[in-house]
Amino acid sequence: MSEHLQNNNLVTGQTSDTAIVFLKAEAYDSLGVEGYKLNISTKKITVRANHLQGALHAVFSILQLRLLQPDKLKIPCTDIVDYPRFTYRGMHLDVSRNFFPVSFIKKYIDIMAMYKFNTFHWHLTDGPG
C-alpha cells in the first residue's frame, strides 16, 4: 500500500481547491483510539479522529474506496463512522519452518494495514526448527 500513498494523489482531481483536512474529534465522540469519522464531498475530504491510529485507518478507507472505482482518480462522496469492534485484531506468520523473502514480509504487513489489523505476531524461532 505504500506505493499507493507515494505515487498517487488521493484527492479527486488535482486542483488547488480540493483538500484533505484532519481534525481532532469532538470531546463527546466515543470513537476510541482507532475510530474515525470520514466525510468525502466534491471539494474536500474531512477526517475526524481522537488519535493518530484512527486517522491512519481513515486514510486506508480512502484507499479502499479508491481501489474499488473504475476511474482511480475519483472517490465517491460518502459519510463513514467507523471504529473497531475488537481491540486485538492480528495475524500470525510462522517463518521458523517456512521461509519467506523480505519482500513478502513487507507486502504481508502492508496488506494487514490495509485491512486495519493492529498486531503482527511473527513466529521467528521454534525448538525443533
N, C-alpha and C. Protein backbone atom coordinates (compact mmCIF):
# COMPACT_ATOMS: atom_id res chain seq x y z
N MET A 1 0.79 -1.19 0.00
CA MET A 1 0.00 0.00 0.00
C MET A 1 0.84 1.26 0.00
N SER A 2 2.09 1.15 0.41
CA SER A 2 2.94 2.34 0.45
C SER A 2 3.10 2.94 -0.95
N GLU A 3 3.07 2.10 -1.99
CA GLU A 3 3.19 2.64 -3.35
C GLU A 3 1.96 3.47 -3.72
N HIS A 4 0.79 3.13 -3.19
CA HIS A 4 -0.41 3.93 -3.45
C HIS A 4 -0.31 5.29 -2.76
N LEU A 5 0.27 5.33 -1.58
CA LEU A 5 0.42 6.59 -0.86
C LEU A 5 1.49 7.47 -1.50
N GLN A 6 2.55 6.88 -2.05
CA GLN A 6 3.65 7.65 -2.60
C GLN A 6 3.38 8.12 -4.01
N ASN A 7 2.78 7.28 -4.84
CA ASN A 7 2.71 7.57 -6.27
C ASN A 7 1.41 8.23 -6.72
N ASN A 8 0.42 8.31 -5.86
CA ASN A 8 -0.87 8.78 -6.30
C ASN A 8 -1.41 9.87 -5.41
N ASN A 9 -2.19 10.75 -6.02
CA ASN A 9 -2.87 11.80 -5.27
C ASN A 9 -4.21 11.23 -4.82
N LEU A 10 -4.53 11.32 -3.53
CA LEU A 10 -5.76 10.74 -3.00
C LEU A 10 -6.99 11.57 -3.33
N VAL A 11 -6.83 12.83 -3.61
CA VAL A 11 -7.97 13.71 -3.78
C VAL A 11 -8.47 13.64 -5.22
N THR A 12 -9.80 13.72 -5.38
CA THR A 12 -10.37 13.70 -6.72
C THR A 12 -9.94 14.96 -7.45
N GLY A 13 -9.29 14.81 -8.56
CA GLY A 13 -8.79 15.95 -9.30
C GLY A 13 -7.50 16.47 -8.70
N GLN A 14 -6.85 17.37 -9.38
CA GLN A 14 -5.57 17.87 -8.90
C GLN A 14 -5.60 19.40 -8.81
N THR A 15 -6.76 19.95 -8.53
CA THR A 15 -6.85 21.40 -8.44
C THR A 15 -6.54 21.86 -7.03
N SER A 16 -6.27 23.14 -6.89
CA SER A 16 -5.89 23.68 -5.58
C SER A 16 -7.08 23.84 -4.65
N ASP A 17 -8.31 23.69 -5.14
CA ASP A 17 -9.47 23.85 -4.27
C ASP A 17 -9.92 22.54 -3.62
N THR A 18 -9.20 21.45 -3.84
CA THR A 18 -9.50 20.20 -3.16
C THR A 18 -8.50 20.00 -2.04
N ALA A 19 -8.95 19.35 -0.94
CA ALA A 19 -8.05 19.20 0.20
C ALA A 19 -8.47 18.01 1.06
N ILE A 20 -7.51 17.50 1.82
CA ILE A 20 -7.77 16.53 2.87
C ILE A 20 -7.49 17.25 4.19
N VAL A 21 -8.50 17.29 5.06
CA VAL A 21 -8.39 18.00 6.33
C VAL A 21 -8.49 16.99 7.46
N PHE A 22 -7.51 17.02 8.37
CA PHE A 22 -7.52 16.16 9.54
C PHE A 22 -7.85 17.01 10.75
N LEU A 23 -8.88 16.60 11.51
CA LEU A 23 -9.32 17.34 12.69
C LEU A 23 -9.40 16.42 13.89
N LYS A 24 -9.22 17.01 15.06
CA LYS A 24 -9.41 16.27 16.31
C LYS A 24 -10.92 16.09 16.50
N ALA A 25 -11.33 14.88 16.88
CA ALA A 25 -12.75 14.59 17.09
C ALA A 25 -13.26 15.37 18.30
N GLU A 26 -14.56 15.57 18.33
CA GLU A 26 -15.19 16.27 19.45
C GLU A 26 -14.98 15.50 20.74
N ALA A 27 -15.03 16.18 21.85
CA ALA A 27 -14.77 15.56 23.15
C ALA A 27 -15.80 14.49 23.49
N TYR A 28 -17.02 14.62 23.00
CA TYR A 28 -18.08 13.67 23.33
C TYR A 28 -18.10 12.45 22.40
N ASP A 29 -17.28 12.43 21.39
CA ASP A 29 -17.25 11.29 20.47
C ASP A 29 -16.73 10.04 21.16
N SER A 30 -17.38 8.93 20.92
CA SER A 30 -16.95 7.65 21.51
C SER A 30 -16.24 6.80 20.45
N LEU A 31 -15.35 7.42 19.70
CA LEU A 31 -14.64 6.72 18.64
C LEU A 31 -13.52 5.83 19.17
N GLY A 32 -13.03 6.12 20.34
CA GLY A 32 -11.92 5.36 20.88
C GLY A 32 -10.61 5.73 20.21
N VAL A 33 -9.62 4.89 20.40
CA VAL A 33 -8.28 5.17 19.88
C VAL A 33 -8.22 4.99 18.36
N GLU A 34 -8.90 3.98 17.82
CA GLU A 34 -8.76 3.65 16.40
C GLU A 34 -9.97 4.03 15.55
N GLY A 35 -10.93 4.71 16.13
CA GLY A 35 -12.12 5.10 15.38
C GLY A 35 -11.93 6.41 14.64
N TYR A 36 -12.80 6.67 13.67
CA TYR A 36 -12.72 7.90 12.89
C TYR A 36 -14.07 8.20 12.25
N LYS A 37 -14.24 9.46 11.87
CA LYS A 37 -15.37 9.90 11.06
C LYS A 37 -14.79 10.45 9.78
N LEU A 38 -15.33 10.02 8.67
CA LEU A 38 -14.82 10.41 7.36
C LEU A 38 -15.95 11.01 6.56
N ASN A 39 -15.74 12.22 6.04
CA ASN A 39 -16.71 12.88 5.18
C ASN A 39 -16.01 13.22 3.88
N ILE A 40 -16.53 12.67 2.79
CA ILE A 40 -15.96 12.95 1.47
C ILE A 40 -17.00 13.71 0.67
N SER A 41 -16.68 14.94 0.30
CA SER A 41 -17.56 15.74 -0.55
C SER A 41 -16.81 16.03 -1.85
N THR A 42 -17.43 16.80 -2.72
CA THR A 42 -16.81 17.06 -4.02
C THR A 42 -15.58 17.95 -3.91
N LYS A 43 -15.48 18.74 -2.85
CA LYS A 43 -14.36 19.68 -2.73
C LYS A 43 -13.36 19.34 -1.64
N LYS A 44 -13.77 18.49 -0.67
CA LYS A 44 -12.84 18.26 0.43
C LYS A 44 -13.14 16.93 1.12
N ILE A 45 -12.09 16.37 1.68
CA ILE A 45 -12.19 15.15 2.50
C ILE A 45 -11.86 15.57 3.92
N THR A 46 -12.78 15.29 4.85
CA THR A 46 -12.57 15.65 6.25
C THR A 46 -12.47 14.38 7.08
N VAL A 47 -11.40 14.28 7.85
CA VAL A 47 -11.18 13.14 8.74
C VAL A 47 -11.18 13.67 10.17
N ARG A 48 -12.02 13.08 11.01
CA ARG A 48 -12.04 13.41 12.43
C ARG A 48 -11.67 12.16 13.20
N ALA A 49 -10.66 12.29 14.06
CA ALA A 49 -10.21 11.15 14.86
C ALA A 49 -9.66 11.65 16.18
N ASN A 50 -9.73 10.80 17.20
CA ASN A 50 -9.17 11.14 18.51
C ASN A 50 -7.66 10.95 18.55
N HIS A 51 -7.16 9.98 17.78
CA HIS A 51 -5.74 9.62 17.82
C HIS A 51 -5.22 9.38 16.40
N LEU A 52 -3.91 9.30 16.30
CA LEU A 52 -3.26 9.08 15.01
C LEU A 52 -3.69 7.76 14.36
N GLN A 53 -3.90 6.71 15.18
CA GLN A 53 -4.31 5.42 14.64
C GLN A 53 -5.64 5.54 13.88
N GLY A 54 -6.57 6.30 14.42
CA GLY A 54 -7.86 6.50 13.75
C GLY A 54 -7.70 7.23 12.43
N ALA A 55 -6.84 8.24 12.41
CA ALA A 55 -6.59 8.98 11.17
C ALA A 55 -5.95 8.07 10.12
N LEU A 56 -5.05 7.19 10.55
CA LEU A 56 -4.42 6.25 9.62
C LEU A 56 -5.45 5.28 9.05
N HIS A 57 -6.36 4.80 9.89
CA HIS A 57 -7.42 3.91 9.40
C HIS A 57 -8.31 4.63 8.39
N ALA A 58 -8.54 5.92 8.60
CA ALA A 58 -9.34 6.69 7.65
C ALA A 58 -8.64 6.79 6.29
N VAL A 59 -7.33 6.98 6.31
CA VAL A 59 -6.56 7.05 5.05
C VAL A 59 -6.67 5.72 4.31
N PHE A 60 -6.60 4.61 5.03
CA PHE A 60 -6.73 3.31 4.37
C PHE A 60 -8.15 3.08 3.86
N SER A 61 -9.15 3.64 4.52
CA SER A 61 -10.51 3.55 3.99
C SER A 61 -10.65 4.32 2.69
N ILE A 62 -9.99 5.48 2.62
CA ILE A 62 -9.99 6.25 1.37
C ILE A 62 -9.33 5.44 0.26
N LEU A 63 -8.21 4.79 0.57
CA LEU A 63 -7.54 3.95 -0.44
C LEU A 63 -8.44 2.79 -0.87
N GLN A 64 -9.14 2.17 0.07
CA GLN A 64 -10.04 1.07 -0.28
C GLN A 64 -11.16 1.56 -1.20
N LEU A 65 -11.74 2.71 -0.88
CA LEU A 65 -12.79 3.27 -1.73
C LEU A 65 -12.26 3.56 -3.13
N ARG A 66 -11.05 4.06 -3.18
CA ARG A 66 -10.44 4.41 -4.45
C ARG A 66 -10.15 3.19 -5.31
N LEU A 67 -9.68 2.12 -4.68
CA LEU A 67 -9.35 0.90 -5.43
C LEU A 67 -10.58 0.22 -6.01
N LEU A 68 -11.75 0.49 -5.46
CA LEU A 68 -12.98 -0.11 -5.96
C LEU A 68 -13.56 0.61 -7.17
N GLN A 69 -13.04 1.78 -7.49
CA GLN A 69 -13.61 2.60 -8.56
C GLN A 69 -12.99 2.26 -9.91
N PRO A 70 -13.80 2.28 -10.97
CA PRO A 70 -13.23 2.07 -12.31
C PRO A 70 -12.22 3.17 -12.68
N ASP A 71 -12.55 4.41 -12.33
CA ASP A 71 -11.64 5.53 -12.54
C ASP A 71 -10.93 5.80 -11.22
N LYS A 72 -9.65 5.47 -11.14
CA LYS A 72 -8.89 5.54 -9.89
C LYS A 72 -8.67 6.98 -9.40
N LEU A 73 -8.97 7.98 -10.22
CA LEU A 73 -8.82 9.36 -9.79
C LEU A 73 -10.07 9.90 -9.11
N LYS A 74 -11.12 9.11 -9.00
CA LYS A 74 -12.36 9.57 -8.40
C LYS A 74 -12.71 8.73 -7.17
N ILE A 75 -13.22 9.41 -6.16
CA ILE A 75 -13.67 8.77 -4.93
C ILE A 75 -15.13 9.17 -4.73
N PRO A 76 -16.00 8.22 -4.40
CA PRO A 76 -17.40 8.60 -4.22
C PRO A 76 -17.61 9.45 -2.96
N CYS A 77 -18.56 10.36 -3.01
CA CYS A 77 -18.93 11.15 -1.84
C CYS A 77 -19.62 10.24 -0.84
N THR A 78 -19.25 10.37 0.43
CA THR A 78 -19.82 9.49 1.45
C THR A 78 -19.56 10.04 2.84
N ASP A 79 -20.26 9.50 3.81
CA ASP A 79 -20.01 9.74 5.23
C ASP A 79 -19.79 8.39 5.89
N ILE A 80 -18.70 8.22 6.61
CA ILE A 80 -18.38 6.96 7.28
C ILE A 80 -18.04 7.26 8.74
N VAL A 81 -18.64 6.51 9.64
CA VAL A 81 -18.24 6.49 11.04
C VAL A 81 -17.81 5.06 11.32
N ASP A 82 -16.55 4.88 11.70
CA ASP A 82 -16.01 3.53 11.84
C ASP A 82 -15.13 3.45 13.08
N TYR A 83 -15.28 2.38 13.81
CA TYR A 83 -14.41 2.07 14.93
C TYR A 83 -14.41 0.56 15.09
N PRO A 84 -13.30 -0.02 15.58
CA PRO A 84 -13.20 -1.47 15.64
C PRO A 84 -14.09 -2.07 16.74
N ARG A 85 -14.60 -3.24 16.47
CA ARG A 85 -15.39 -3.97 17.46
C ARG A 85 -14.48 -4.61 18.50
N PHE A 86 -13.32 -5.09 18.06
CA PHE A 86 -12.37 -5.75 18.95
C PHE A 86 -11.08 -4.95 19.01
N THR A 87 -10.47 -4.89 20.20
CA THR A 87 -9.22 -4.13 20.33
C THR A 87 -8.04 -4.89 19.74
N TYR A 88 -8.04 -6.22 19.80
CA TYR A 88 -6.95 -7.02 19.24
C TYR A 88 -7.42 -7.60 17.91
N ARG A 89 -6.76 -7.19 16.84
CA ARG A 89 -7.02 -7.73 15.51
C ARG A 89 -5.66 -8.05 14.90
N GLY A 90 -5.29 -9.32 14.91
CA GLY A 90 -3.95 -9.65 14.49
C GLY A 90 -3.88 -10.81 13.52
N MET A 91 -2.70 -10.96 12.94
CA MET A 91 -2.40 -12.07 12.06
C MET A 91 -1.05 -12.65 12.46
N HIS A 92 -0.88 -13.92 12.19
CA HIS A 92 0.30 -14.68 12.60
C HIS A 92 1.05 -15.09 11.34
N LEU A 93 2.37 -15.02 11.40
CA LEU A 93 3.21 -15.52 10.32
C LEU A 93 4.33 -16.35 10.93
N ASP A 94 4.42 -17.63 10.54
CA ASP A 94 5.42 -18.55 11.07
C ASP A 94 6.55 -18.69 10.06
N VAL A 95 7.69 -18.10 10.37
CA VAL A 95 8.85 -18.21 9.48
C VAL A 95 9.92 -19.12 10.06
N SER A 96 9.62 -19.82 11.17
CA SER A 96 10.63 -20.70 11.74
C SER A 96 10.79 -21.98 10.91
N ARG A 97 9.73 -22.43 10.26
CA ARG A 97 9.81 -23.63 9.41
C ARG A 97 9.49 -23.34 7.94
N ASN A 98 8.85 -22.23 7.68
CA ASN A 98 8.53 -21.82 6.31
C ASN A 98 9.20 -20.49 6.06
N PHE A 99 10.12 -20.45 5.13
CA PHE A 99 10.91 -19.25 4.90
C PHE A 99 10.27 -18.40 3.82
N PHE A 100 10.28 -17.09 4.03
CA PHE A 100 9.71 -16.13 3.10
C PHE A 100 10.73 -15.04 2.83
N PRO A 101 10.76 -14.50 1.61
CA PRO A 101 11.67 -13.38 1.33
C PRO A 101 11.18 -12.11 2.03
N VAL A 102 12.08 -11.16 2.20
CA VAL A 102 11.76 -9.90 2.87
C VAL A 102 10.64 -9.17 2.13
N SER A 103 10.64 -9.23 0.81
CA SER A 103 9.60 -8.55 0.04
C SER A 103 8.20 -9.09 0.38
N PHE A 104 8.09 -10.40 0.64
CA PHE A 104 6.81 -10.97 1.03
C PHE A 104 6.37 -10.46 2.40
N ILE A 105 7.31 -10.38 3.34
CA ILE A 105 7.01 -9.90 4.70
C ILE A 105 6.49 -8.47 4.63
N LYS A 106 7.14 -7.62 3.83
CA LYS A 106 6.71 -6.23 3.70
C LYS A 106 5.31 -6.14 3.08
N LYS A 107 5.05 -6.95 2.07
CA LYS A 107 3.73 -6.95 1.44
C LYS A 107 2.66 -7.45 2.41
N TYR A 108 3.00 -8.46 3.21
CA TYR A 108 2.10 -9.01 4.21
C TYR A 108 1.69 -7.93 5.22
N ILE A 109 2.67 -7.16 5.69
CA ILE A 109 2.39 -6.09 6.64
C ILE A 109 1.57 -4.98 5.99
N ASP A 110 1.86 -4.65 4.74
CA ASP A 110 1.06 -3.65 4.02
C ASP A 110 -0.40 -4.08 3.90
N ILE A 111 -0.62 -5.34 3.59
CA ILE A 111 -2.00 -5.85 3.46
C ILE A 111 -2.69 -5.84 4.82
N MET A 112 -1.95 -6.17 5.87
CA MET A 112 -2.53 -6.09 7.22
C MET A 112 -2.98 -4.67 7.54
N ALA A 113 -2.16 -3.70 7.20
CA ALA A 113 -2.51 -2.30 7.45
C ALA A 113 -3.72 -1.89 6.63
N MET A 114 -3.78 -2.36 5.40
CA MET A 114 -4.91 -2.03 4.52
C MET A 114 -6.23 -2.51 5.11
N TYR A 115 -6.20 -3.67 5.73
CA TYR A 115 -7.43 -4.23 6.33
C TYR A 115 -7.54 -3.93 7.82
N LYS A 116 -6.72 -3.00 8.30
CA LYS A 116 -6.80 -2.44 9.65
C LYS A 116 -6.52 -3.44 10.77
N PHE A 117 -5.67 -4.41 10.51
CA PHE A 117 -5.17 -5.27 11.59
C PHE A 117 -4.18 -4.45 12.41
N ASN A 118 -4.10 -4.70 13.70
CA ASN A 118 -3.23 -3.87 14.53
C ASN A 118 -2.11 -4.65 15.23
N THR A 119 -2.05 -5.98 15.06
CA THR A 119 -1.00 -6.77 15.70
C THR A 119 -0.42 -7.77 14.71
N PHE A 120 0.90 -7.78 14.62
CA PHE A 120 1.61 -8.73 13.77
C PHE A 120 2.35 -9.70 14.66
N HIS A 121 1.90 -10.94 14.70
CA HIS A 121 2.55 -11.98 15.51
C HIS A 121 3.51 -12.73 14.60
N TRP A 122 4.79 -12.53 14.83
CA TRP A 122 5.83 -13.09 13.98
C TRP A 122 6.52 -14.20 14.74
N HIS A 123 6.30 -15.44 14.32
CA HIS A 123 6.89 -16.61 14.97
C HIS A 123 8.25 -16.85 14.33
N LEU A 124 9.31 -16.39 15.00
CA LEU A 124 10.65 -16.44 14.41
C LEU A 124 11.41 -17.74 14.69
N THR A 125 11.26 -18.29 15.89
CA THR A 125 12.04 -19.47 16.24
C THR A 125 11.13 -20.55 16.80
N ASP A 126 11.64 -21.77 16.75
CA ASP A 126 10.92 -22.92 17.28
C ASP A 126 11.96 -23.90 17.81
N GLY A 127 11.60 -24.68 18.80
CA GLY A 127 12.54 -25.65 19.39
C GLY A 127 13.18 -26.55 18.34
N PRO A 128 12.40 -27.37 17.61
CA PRO A 128 12.98 -28.25 16.60
C PRO A 128 13.44 -27.49 15.37
N GLY A 129 12.84 -26.35 15.10
CA GLY A 129 13.17 -25.60 13.88
C GLY A 129 14.46 -24.88 14.04
